[in-house]
N, C-alpha and C. Protein backbone atom coordinates (compact mmCIF):
# COMPACT_ATOMS: atom_id res chain seq x y z
N MET A 1 58.16 -5.63 18.54
CA MET A 1 57.49 -6.67 19.28
C MET A 1 56.18 -6.16 19.89
N ALA A 2 56.19 -4.94 20.40
CA ALA A 2 54.97 -4.37 20.98
C ALA A 2 53.91 -4.18 19.91
N ASP A 3 54.35 -3.84 18.67
CA ASP A 3 53.40 -3.67 17.57
C ASP A 3 52.68 -4.96 17.24
N GLN A 4 53.37 -6.08 17.36
CA GLN A 4 52.76 -7.37 17.08
C GLN A 4 51.64 -7.66 18.08
N LYS A 5 51.84 -7.30 19.32
CA LYS A 5 50.80 -7.52 20.33
C LYS A 5 49.59 -6.64 20.04
N LEU A 6 49.82 -5.40 19.61
CA LEU A 6 48.73 -4.49 19.32
C LEU A 6 47.91 -4.95 18.13
N GLU A 7 48.55 -5.56 17.16
CA GLU A 7 47.84 -6.02 15.98
C GLU A 7 46.86 -7.14 16.31
N LYS A 8 47.12 -7.89 17.36
CA LYS A 8 46.26 -9.01 17.74
C LYS A 8 45.02 -8.57 18.51
N ILE A 9 45.03 -7.36 19.03
CA ILE A 9 43.91 -6.86 19.82
C ILE A 9 42.81 -6.38 18.88
N LYS A 10 41.61 -6.83 19.11
CA LYS A 10 40.45 -6.43 18.31
C LYS A 10 39.64 -5.43 19.12
N PRO A 11 38.95 -4.50 18.44
CA PRO A 11 38.13 -3.53 19.18
C PRO A 11 37.12 -4.19 20.11
N GLU A 12 36.51 -5.28 19.67
CA GLU A 12 35.51 -5.93 20.53
C GLU A 12 36.12 -6.49 21.80
N ASP A 13 37.42 -6.82 21.77
CA ASP A 13 38.09 -7.28 22.97
C ASP A 13 38.17 -6.15 24.00
N ILE A 14 38.45 -4.96 23.53
CA ILE A 14 38.56 -3.79 24.42
C ILE A 14 37.18 -3.45 24.98
N TRP A 15 36.17 -3.38 24.11
CA TRP A 15 34.84 -2.98 24.56
C TRP A 15 34.27 -3.98 25.55
N ASP A 16 34.45 -5.25 25.28
CA ASP A 16 33.93 -6.26 26.20
C ASP A 16 34.55 -6.14 27.58
N TYR A 17 35.80 -5.74 27.63
CA TYR A 17 36.50 -5.64 28.90
C TYR A 17 36.12 -4.37 29.67
N TYR A 18 36.02 -3.24 28.97
CA TYR A 18 35.83 -1.96 29.65
C TYR A 18 34.38 -1.55 29.84
N ILE A 19 33.49 -1.97 28.97
CA ILE A 19 32.10 -1.56 29.06
C ILE A 19 31.32 -2.61 29.83
N ASP A 20 30.73 -2.18 30.92
CA ASP A 20 29.96 -3.08 31.76
C ASP A 20 28.56 -2.50 31.91
N ASP A 21 27.60 -3.04 31.15
CA ASP A 21 26.24 -2.53 31.17
C ASP A 21 25.54 -2.72 32.51
N SER A 22 26.05 -3.60 33.33
CA SER A 22 25.40 -3.82 34.62
C SER A 22 25.52 -2.59 35.52
N LYS A 23 26.42 -1.67 35.19
CA LYS A 23 26.59 -0.45 35.99
C LYS A 23 25.66 0.68 35.55
N MET A 24 24.94 0.47 34.43
CA MET A 24 24.04 1.50 33.91
C MET A 24 22.81 1.61 34.81
N PRO A 25 22.27 2.82 34.97
CA PRO A 25 21.07 2.97 35.79
C PRO A 25 19.84 2.39 35.08
N SER A 26 18.90 1.93 35.85
CA SER A 26 17.67 1.40 35.29
C SER A 26 16.79 2.58 34.84
N PRO A 27 15.78 2.32 33.98
CA PRO A 27 14.88 3.41 33.58
C PRO A 27 14.20 4.08 34.77
N GLU A 28 13.91 3.32 35.81
CA GLU A 28 13.29 3.89 37.00
C GLU A 28 14.24 4.87 37.70
N GLU A 29 15.52 4.53 37.73
CA GLU A 29 16.51 5.42 38.34
C GLU A 29 16.70 6.67 37.50
N VAL A 30 16.66 6.52 36.19
CA VAL A 30 16.84 7.67 35.29
C VAL A 30 15.71 8.68 35.49
N GLU A 31 14.50 8.20 35.74
CA GLU A 31 13.36 9.08 35.98
C GLU A 31 13.62 10.01 37.17
N ASN A 32 14.40 9.57 38.14
CA ASN A 32 14.66 10.35 39.34
C ASN A 32 15.82 11.33 39.18
N PHE A 33 16.51 11.30 38.04
CA PHE A 33 17.61 12.25 37.83
C PHE A 33 17.04 13.66 37.77
N PRO A 34 17.79 14.64 38.26
CA PRO A 34 17.30 16.02 38.23
C PRO A 34 17.20 16.55 36.80
N ASP A 35 16.29 17.51 36.61
CA ASP A 35 16.13 18.16 35.31
C ASP A 35 17.31 19.12 35.11
N THR A 36 17.96 19.02 33.98
CA THR A 36 19.16 19.83 33.74
C THR A 36 18.99 20.76 32.56
N LYS A 37 17.77 21.16 32.24
CA LYS A 37 17.54 22.02 31.08
C LYS A 37 18.33 23.33 31.18
N GLU A 38 18.35 23.94 32.35
CA GLU A 38 19.09 25.20 32.52
C GLU A 38 20.59 24.98 32.35
N LEU A 39 21.10 23.91 32.92
CA LEU A 39 22.51 23.58 32.79
C LEU A 39 22.86 23.27 31.34
N ASP A 40 21.99 22.51 30.67
CA ASP A 40 22.21 22.19 29.26
C ASP A 40 22.24 23.45 28.40
N LYS A 41 21.34 24.37 28.68
CA LYS A 41 21.29 25.63 27.91
C LYS A 41 22.55 26.45 28.15
N SER A 42 22.98 26.55 29.40
CA SER A 42 24.19 27.29 29.73
C SER A 42 25.41 26.66 29.06
N TYR A 43 25.49 25.35 29.08
CA TYR A 43 26.60 24.63 28.45
C TYR A 43 26.61 24.90 26.95
N ARG A 44 25.45 24.79 26.31
CA ARG A 44 25.35 24.99 24.86
C ARG A 44 25.75 26.42 24.49
N GLU A 45 25.33 27.40 25.27
CA GLU A 45 25.69 28.79 25.00
C GLU A 45 27.21 28.98 25.10
N GLY A 46 27.83 28.36 26.09
CA GLY A 46 29.28 28.45 26.24
C GLY A 46 30.01 27.80 25.08
N VAL A 47 29.53 26.66 24.66
CA VAL A 47 30.15 25.96 23.52
C VAL A 47 29.99 26.79 22.26
N ASP A 48 28.81 27.33 22.03
CA ASP A 48 28.58 28.15 20.84
C ASP A 48 29.47 29.38 20.83
N LYS A 49 29.68 29.98 22.00
CA LYS A 49 30.56 31.15 22.11
C LYS A 49 31.99 30.78 21.72
N ILE A 50 32.46 29.64 22.19
CA ILE A 50 33.82 29.18 21.86
C ILE A 50 33.92 28.89 20.37
N PHE A 51 32.91 28.21 19.81
CA PHE A 51 32.91 27.90 18.38
C PHE A 51 33.00 29.18 17.56
N LYS A 52 32.20 30.19 17.94
CA LYS A 52 32.18 31.44 17.20
C LYS A 52 33.52 32.17 17.34
N GLU A 53 34.08 32.17 18.54
CA GLU A 53 35.35 32.85 18.80
C GLU A 53 36.49 32.27 17.97
N PHE A 54 36.51 30.94 17.83
CA PHE A 54 37.59 30.29 17.12
C PHE A 54 37.22 29.89 15.69
N GLY A 55 36.04 30.30 15.25
CA GLY A 55 35.63 30.04 13.87
C GLY A 55 35.41 28.57 13.54
N LEU A 56 34.90 27.85 14.50
CA LEU A 56 34.67 26.41 14.27
C LEU A 56 33.26 26.15 13.82
């Protein structure tokens, strides 16, 4: 019975319910976000290290 309910749900039904674009920052607000180049570089180096360690 639960499977029948799941079959009726469409992906667009889920996205319309959970994604609310009104919560997104405006372009003006995005301009004020801090620069994260150093953080991005550190993150990428950590990810690359993990990929290399596990052969991914």
